[in-house]
PDB file of N, CA and C in Angstrom:
ATOM      1  N   MET A   1     104.124 101.427 125.237  1.00  0.00           N
ATOM      2  CA  MET A   1     103.807 100.792 124.373  1.00  0.00           C
ATOM      3  C   MET A   1     104.613  99.674 123.388  1.00  0.00           C
ATOM      4  N   PRO A   2     104.476  98.429 123.458  1.00  0.00           N
ATOM      5  CA  PRO A   2     105.211  97.975 122.603  1.00  0.00           C
ATOM      6  C   PRO A   2     104.570  97.556 120.769  1.00  0.00           C
ATOM      7  N   LEU A   3     105.324  97.471 120.276  1.00  0.00           N
ATOM      8  CA  LEU A   3     105.226  97.276 118.952  1.00  0.00           C
ATOM      9  C   LEU A   3     105.564  96.080 118.657  1.00  0.00           C
ATOM     10  N   PHE A   4     104.781  95.066 117.797  1.00  0.00           N
ATOM     11  CA  PHE A   4     105.151  94.386 117.645  1.00  0.00           C
ATOM     12  C   PHE A   4     104.710  93.562 115.848  1.00  0.00           C
ATOM     13  N   GLN A   5     105.612  93.020 115.308  1.00  0.00           N
ATOM     14  CA  GLN A   5     105.904  92.195 113.706  1.00  0.00           C
ATOM     15  C   GLN A   5     105.201  90.995 113.593  1.00  0.00           C
ATOM     16  N   VAL A   6     103.915  90.893 113.415  1.00  0.00           N
ATOM     17  CA  VAL A   6     103.049  89.884 113.330  1.00  0.00           C
ATOM     18  C   VAL A   6     103.415  89.203 111.352  1.00  0.00           C
ATOM     19  N   SER A   7     103.906  87.783 111.226  1.00  0.00           N
ATOM     20  CA  SER A   7     104.404  87.438 109.735  1.00  0.00           C
ATOM     21  C   SER A   7     103.946  85.876 109.586  1.00  0.00           C
ATOM     22  N   VAL A   8     102.966  86.114 109.197  1.00  0.00           N
ATOM     23  CA  VAL A   8     102.920  84.455 108.320  1.00  0.00           C
ATOM     24  C   VAL A   8     103.436  83.550 108.011  1.00  0.00           C
ATOM     25  N   LYS A   9     104.306  82.394 108.761  1.00  0.00           N
ATOM     26  CA  LYS A   9     105.091  81.365 108.326  1.00  0.00           C
ATOM     27  C   LYS A   9     105.244  80.517 107.257  1.00  0.00           C
ATOM     28  N   ARG A  10     104.432  79.627 107.228  1.00  0.00           N
ATOM     29  CA  ARG A  10     103.811  79.409 105.996  1.00  0.00           C
ATOM     30  C   ARG A  10     102.697  79.028 105.491  1.00  0.00           C
ATOM     31  N   THR A  11     102.501  78.929 104.266  1.00  0.00           N
ATOM     32  CA  THR A  11     101.816  78.946 102.990  1.00  0.00           C
ATOM     33  C   THR A  11     100.100  77.880 103.754  1.00  0.00           C
ATOM     34  N   LYS A  12      99.017  78.790 104.166  1.00  0.00           N
ATOM     35  CA  LYS A  12      97.456  77.266 104.498  1.00  0.00           C
ATOM     36  C   LYS A  12      96.651  77.682 104.011  1.00  0.00           C
ATOM     37  N   ASN A  13      96.046  76.834 103.554  1.00  0.00           N
ATOM     38  CA  ASN A  13      94.799  77.135 102.272  1.00  0.00           C
ATOM     39  C   ASN A  13      93.562  76.559 103.627  1.00  0.00           C
ATOM     40  N   SER A  14      92.437  77.461 104.304  1.00  0.00           N
ATOM     41  CA  SER A  14      91.610  76.960 105.507  1.00  0.00           C
ATOM     42  C   SER A  14      90.867  77.701 105.533  1.00  0.00           C
ATOM     43  N   ASN A  15      89.333  77.386 105.171  1.00  0.00           N
ATOM     44  CA  ASN A  15      87.751  77.405 104.816  1.00  0.00           C
ATOM     45  C   ASN A  15      88.358  78.807 104.290  1.00  0.00           C
ATOM     46  N   GLY A  16      88.764  78.306 102.718  1.00  0.00           N
ATOM     47  CA  GLY A  16      88.353  79.071 101.294  1.00  0.00           C
ATOM     48  C   GLY A  16      89.420  80.301 101.798  1.00  0.00           C
ATOM     49  N   ILE A  17      90.491  80.512 102.925  1.00  0.00           N
ATOM     50  CA  ILE A  17      91.374  81.716 102.847  1.00  0.00           C
ATOM     51  C   ILE A  17      92.475  80.984 102.986  1.00  0.00           C
ATOM     52  N   ARG A  18      93.111  81.986 101.801  1.00  0.00           N
ATOM     53  CA  ARG A  18      94.926  81.374 101.812  1.00  0.00           C
ATOM     54  C   ARG A  18      95.830  82.257 102.786  1.00  0.00           C
ATOM     55  N   LEU A  19      96.813  82.010 102.987  1.00  0.00           N
ATOM     56  CA  LEU A  19      97.585  82.418 103.864  1.00  0.00           C
ATOM     57  C   LEU A  19      98.887  82.640 103.160  1.00  0.00           C
ATOM     58  N   GLU A  20      99.839  83.379 103.153  1.00  0.00           N
ATOM     59  CA  GLU A  20     101.268  82.680 102.330  1.00  0.00           C
ATOM     60  C   GLU A  20     101.840  83.974 103.069  1.00  0.00           C
ATOM     61  N   PRO A  21     103.549  82.810 103.365  1.00  0.00           N
ATOM     62  CA  PRO A  21     104.783  83.737 103.892  1.00  0.00           C
ATOM     63  C   PRO A  21     104.894  84.932 103.634  1.00  0.00           C
ATOM     64  N   GLY A  22     105.563  85.419 104.209  1.00  0.00           N
ATOM     65  CA  GLY A  22     105.626  87.407 103.849  1.00  0.00           C
ATOM     66  C   GLY A  22     104.550  88.340 104.357  1.00  0.00           C
ATOM     67  N   MET A  23     102.627  87.721 104.060  1.00  0.00           N
ATOM     68  CA  MET A  23     102.255  88.435 104.875  1.00  0.00           C
ATOM     69  C   MET A  23     102.213  89.041 106.286  1.00  0.00           C
ATOM     70  N   SER A  24     102.704  90.165 106.467  1.00  0.00           N
ATOM     71  CA  SER A  24     102.936  90.742 108.248  1.00  0.00           C
ATOM     72  C   SER A  24     101.531  92.009 108.512  1.00  0.00           C
ATOM     73  N   VAL A  25     101.854  92.122 109.707  1.00  0.00           N
ATOM     74  CA  VAL A  25     100.686  93.000 109.932  1.00  0.00           C
ATOM     75  C   VAL A  25     101.798  94.068 111.154  1.00  0.00           C
ATOM     76  N   GLN A  26     101.983  94.828 111.908  1.00  0.00           N
ATOM     77  CA  GLN A  26     102.094  95.630 112.697  1.00  0.00           C
ATOM     78  C   GLN A  26     100.984  96.100 113.862  1.00  0.00           C
ATOM     79  N   VAL A  27     101.114  95.679 115.532  1.00  0.00           N
ATOM     80  CA  VAL A  27     100.129  95.510 115.790  1.00  0.00           C
ATOM     81  C   VAL A  27     100.728  95.982 117.641  1.00  0.00           C
ATOM     82  N   VAL A  28     100.433  97.022 117.653  1.00  0.00           N
ATOM     83  CA  VAL A  28     100.414  97.955 119.071  1.00  0.00           C
ATOM     84  C   VAL A  28      99.878  96.875 120.425  1.00  0.00           C
ATOM     85  N   SER A  29     100.356  96.865 121.661  1.00  0.00           N
ATOM     86  CA  SER A  29     100.234  95.973 122.500  1.00  0.00           C
ATOM     87  C   SER A  29      99.962  96.642 123.815  1.00  0.00           C
ATOM     88  N   ASN A  30      99.318  96.825 124.681  1.00  0.00           N
ATOM     89  CA  ASN A  30      99.411  97.267 125.976  1.00  0.00           C
ATOM     90  C   ASN A  30      99.832  96.528 126.385  1.00  0.00           C
ATOM     91  N   SER A  31     100.184  94.817 126.206  1.00  0.00           N
ATOM     92  CA  SER A  31     101.370  94.229 127.464  1.00  0.00           C
ATOM     93  C   SER A  31     102.604  94.330 127.058  1.00  0.00           C
ATOM     94  N   MET A  32     103.589  93.322 127.787  1.00  0.00           N
ATOM     95  CA  MET A  32     104.958  93.230 126.494  1.00  0.00           C
ATOM     96  C   MET A  32     105.096  91.853 125.877  1.00  0.00           C
ATOM     97  N   SER A  33     103.867  91.406 126.631  1.00  0.00           N
ATOM     98  CA  SER A  33     103.678  89.357 126.094  1.00  0.00           C
ATOM     99  C   SER A  33     103.540  89.270 124.527  1.00  0.00           C
ATOM    100  N   ASN A  34     103.381  87.870 124.315  1.00  0.00           N
ATOM    101  CA  ASN A  34     102.704  88.472 122.340  1.00  0.00           C
ATOM    102  C   ASN A  34     101.687  88.686 122.197  1.00  0.00           C
ATOM    103  N   PRO A  35     101.437  89.364 121.407  1.00  0.00           N
ATOM    104  CA  PRO A  35      99.584  89.607 121.282  1.00  0.00           C
ATOM    105  C   PRO A  35      98.674  88.565 120.495  1.00  0.00           C
ATOM    106  N   VAL A  36      99.412  87.434 119.636  1.00  0.00           N
ATOM    107  CA  VAL A  36      98.675  86.289 119.267  1.00  0.00           C
ATOM    108  C   VAL A  36      97.626  85.576 120.315  1.00  0.00           C
ATOM    109  N   THR A  37      98.786  86.132 121.387  1.00  0.00           N
ATOM    110  CA  THR A  37      98.347  84.985 122.929  1.00  0.00           C
ATOM    111  C   THR A  37      97.384  85.928 123.673  1.00  0.00           C
ATOM    112  N   THR A  38      97.874  87.407 123.674  1.00  0.00           N
ATOM    113  CA  THR A  38      96.971  88.216 125.272  1.00  0.00           C
ATOM    114  C   THR A  38      95.618  88.360 123.988  1.00  0.00           C
ATOM    115  N   ASN A  39      94.179  88.665 124.851  1.00  0.00           N
ATOM    116  CA  ASN A  39      93.122  88.893 124.321  1.00  0.00           C
ATOM    117  C   ASN A  39      92.629  88.365 123.577  1.00  0.00           C
ATOM    118  N   GLY A  40      92.724  87.005 123.873  1.00  0.00           N
ATOM    119  CA  GLY A  40      92.131  85.513 122.399  1.00  0.00           C
ATOM    120  C   GLY A  40      93.143  86.012 120.886  1.00  0.00           C
ATOM    121  N   GLY A  41      93.872  86.875 120.772  1.00  0.00           N
ATOM    122  CA  GLY A  41      94.768  87.879 119.812  1.00  0.00           C
ATOM    123  C   GLY A  41      94.116  88.570 119.071  1.00  0.00           C
ATOM    124  N   GLN A  42      92.980  89.190 119.424  1.00  0.00           N
ATOM    125  CA  GLN A  42      92.365  89.942 119.243  1.00  0.00           C
ATOM    126  C   GLN A  42      92.801  91.244 118.064  1.00  0.00           C
ATOM    127  N   ALA A  43      94.181  92.151 118.912  1.00  0.00           N
ATOM    128  CA  ALA A  43      94.684  93.313 118.125  1.00  0.00           C
ATOM    129  C   ALA A  43      95.200  92.237 116.383  1.00  0.00           C
ATOM    130  N   VAL A  44      95.276  90.879 116.801  1.00  0.00           N
ATOM    131  CA  VAL A  44      96.260  90.592 115.222  1.00  0.00           C
ATOM    132  C   VAL A  44      95.337  90.321 114.313  1.00  0.00           C
ATOM    133  N   VAL A  45      94.113  89.360 115.197  1.00  0.00           N
ATOM    134  CA  VAL A  45      92.635  89.314 114.497  1.00  0.00           C
ATOM    135  C   VAL A  45      92.294  90.568 113.224  1.00  0.00           C
ATOM    136  N   ASP A  46      92.094  91.856 114.081  1.00  0.00           N
ATOM    137  CA  ASP A  46      91.565  93.355 114.105  1.00  0.00           C
ATOM    138  C   ASP A  46      92.654  92.940 112.684  1.00  0.00           C
ATOM    139  N   ALA A  47      93.944  93.349 112.993  1.00  0.00           N
ATOM    140  CA  ALA A  47      95.455  93.908 112.176  1.00  0.00           C
ATOM    141  C   ALA A  47      95.147  93.008 110.424  1.00  0.00           C
ATOM    142  N   PHE A  48      94.736  92.154 110.780  1.00  0.00           N
ATOM    143  CA  PHE A  48      94.912  91.016 109.574  1.00  0.00           C
ATOM    144  C   PHE A  48      93.941  91.468 108.580  1.00  0.00           C
ATOM    145  N   TYR A  49      93.008  91.886 109.106  1.00  0.00           N
ATOM    146  CA  TYR A  49      91.337  91.815 108.821  1.00  0.00           C
ATOM    147  C   TYR A  49      91.301  93.803 108.128  1.00  0.00           C
ATOM    148  N   ARG A  50      92.055  94.145 108.705  1.00  0.00           N
ATOM    149  CA  ARG A  50      92.474  95.863 108.355  1.00  0.00           C
ATOM    150  C   ARG A  50      92.842  95.627 107.142  1.00  0.00           C
ATOM    151  N   ILE A  51      94.183  94.715 107.228  1.00  0.00           N
ATOM    152  CA  ILE A  51      94.971  95.203 105.835  1.00  0.00           C
ATOM    153  C   ILE A  51      94.868  93.962 104.630  1.00  0.00           C
ATOM    154  N   TYR A  52      94.499  93.008 105.023  1.00  0.00           N
ATOM    155  CA  TYR A  52      94.337  92.181 103.760  1.00  0.00           C
ATOM    156  C   TYR A  52      92.649  91.849 103.411  1.00  0.00           C
ATOM    157  N   GLY A  53      92.117  92.226 104.853  1.00  0.00           N
ATOM    158  CA  GLY A  53      90.770  91.392 104.731  1.00  0.00           C
ATOM    159  C   GLY A  53      89.649  90.691 104.810  1.00  0.00           C
ATOM    160  N   ILE A  54      90.538  89.360 105.602  1.00  0.00           N
ATOM    161  CA  ILE A  54      91.209  88.383 105.865  1.00  0.00           C
ATOM    162  C   ILE A  54      90.336  87.805 107.770  1.00  0.00           C
ATOM    163  N   ASP A  55      90.033  86.957 107.682  1.00  0.00           N
ATOM    164  CA  ASP A  55      89.667  86.642 109.259  1.00  0.00           C
ATOM    165  C   ASP A  55      90.743  85.045 109.652  1.00  0.00           C
ATOM    166  N   ILE A  56      92.051  85.653 110.605  1.00  0.00           N
ATOM    167  CA  ILE A  56      92.752  85.166 110.061  1.00  0.00           C
ATOM    168  C   ILE A  56      92.703  83.924 111.478  1.00  0.00           C
ATOM    169  N   LYS A  57      91.758  84.341 112.471  1.00  0.00           N
ATOM    170  CA  LYS A  57      90.823  83.261 113.320  1.00  0.00           C
ATOM    171  C   LYS A  57      90.133  81.912 112.438  1.00  0.00           C
ATOM    172  N   LYS A  58      89.348  82.583 111.183  1.00  0.00           N
ATOM    173  CA  LYS A  58      88.838  81.410 111.015  1.00  0.00           C
ATOM    174  C   LYS A  58      89.066  80.957 109.772  1.00  0.00           C
ATOM    175  N   ALA A  59      90.279  80.651 109.983  1.00  0.00           N
ATOM    176  CA  ALA A  59      91.297  80.326 109.278  1.00  0.00           C
ATOM    177  C   ALA A  59      92.308  79.079 110.009  1.00  0.00           C
ATOM    178  N   GLY A  60      92.233  79.315 111.357  1.00  0.00           N
ATOM    179  CA  GLY A  60      92.360  78.873 111.979  1.00  0.00           C
ATOM    180  C   GLY A  60      94.429  78.960 112.211  1.00  0.00           C
ATOM    181  N   ALA A  61      94.818  79.923 111.989  1.00  0.00           N
ATOM    182  CA  ALA A  61      95.788  80.068 111.794  1.00  0.00           C
ATOM    183  C   ALA A  61      96.374  81.113 113.301  1.00  0.00           C
ATOM    184  N   LEU A  62      95.947  81.242 113.662  1.00  0.00           N
ATOM    185  CA  LEU A  62      96.358  82.522 114.719  1.00  0.00           C
ATOM    186  C   LEU A  62      96.189  81.840 116.523  1.00  0.00           C
ATOM    187  N   ASN A  63      98.215  81.146 115.611  1.00  0.00           N
ATOM    188  CA  ASN A  63      98.650  80.395 116.985  1.00  0.00           C
ATOM    189  C   ASN A  63      99.798  80.430 116.237  1.00  0.00           C
ATOM    190  N   ASN A  64     100.712  80.236 117.342  1.00  0.00           N
ATOM    191  CA  ASN A  64     102.301  80.212 117.202  1.00  0.00           C
ATOM    192  C   ASN A  64     102.565  79.512 116.309  1.00  0.00           C
ATOM    193  N   VAL A  65     101.966  78.531 115.703  1.00  0.00           N
ATOM    194  CA  VAL A  65     102.968  77.381 114.773  1.00  0.00           C
ATOM    195  C   VAL A  65     102.673  78.380 113.519  1.00  0.00           C
ATOM    196  N   ASP A  66     101.546  78.983 112.907  1.00  0.00           N
ATOM    197  CA  ASP A  66     102.019  79.234 111.322  1.00  0.00           C
ATOM    198  C   ASP A  66     101.795  81.519 112.099  1.00  0.00           C
ATOM    199  N   LEU A  67     101.790  81.491 113.173  1.00  0.00           N
ATOM    200  CA  LEU A  67     102.676  82.858 112.873  1.00  0.00           C
ATOM    201  C   LEU A  67     103.847  82.926 113.524  1.00  0.00           C
ATOM    202  N   GLU A  68     104.574  83.888 113.275  1.00  0.00           N
ATOM    203  CA  GLU A  68     105.672  85.087 113.508  1.00  0.00           C
ATOM    204  C   GLU A  68     105.583  85.690 114.469  1.00  0.00           C
ATOM    205  N   VAL A  69     106.244  86.117 115.738  1.00  0.00           N
ATOM    206  CA  VAL A  69     106.124  87.093 116.584  1.00  0.00           C
ATOM    207  C   VAL A  69     107.188  88.277 116.791  1.00  0.00           C
ATOM    208  N   ASN A  70     107.989  88.961 116.573  1.00  0.00           N
ATOM    209  CA  ASN A  70     108.781  89.572 116.491  1.00  0.00           C
ATOM    210  C   ASN A  70     109.048  91.026 117.076  1.00  0.00           C
ATOM    211  N   ARG A  71     108.610  91.492 118.489  1.00  0.00           N
ATOM    212  CA  ARG A  71     108.874  92.422 118.750  1.00  0.00           C
ATOM    213  C   ARG A  71     109.750  93.855 117.788  1.00  0.00           C
ATOM    214  N   ILE A  72     109.519  95.057 117.554  1.00  0.00           N
ATOM    215  CA  ILE A  72     110.122  95.796 116.811  1.00  0.00           C
ATOM    216  C   ILE A  72     110.340  97.351 117.403  1.00  0.00           C
ATOM    217  N   GLY A  73     109.248  97.222 118.525  1.00  0.00           N
ATOM    218  CA  GLY A  73     109.801  98.583 119.755  1.00  0.00           C
ATOM    219  C   GLY A  73     108.920  99.127 120.968  1.00  0.00           C
TER     220      GLY A  73
END
């Protein structure tokens, strides 16, 4: 199962949620494809909520413009 690191690329303030560059989470995926686009990005949403207590989907940042995805394992 591949391991991905998902990081915030730029500062964003939306719906009372502030995202900063450098905020990142690690996500294990069952597929080889981008976890942001797989299953509606639910694994990424869950990881950001678990680590930072923020809903990245509510912030409108669950996309490849605001997030950088790197496969690390």
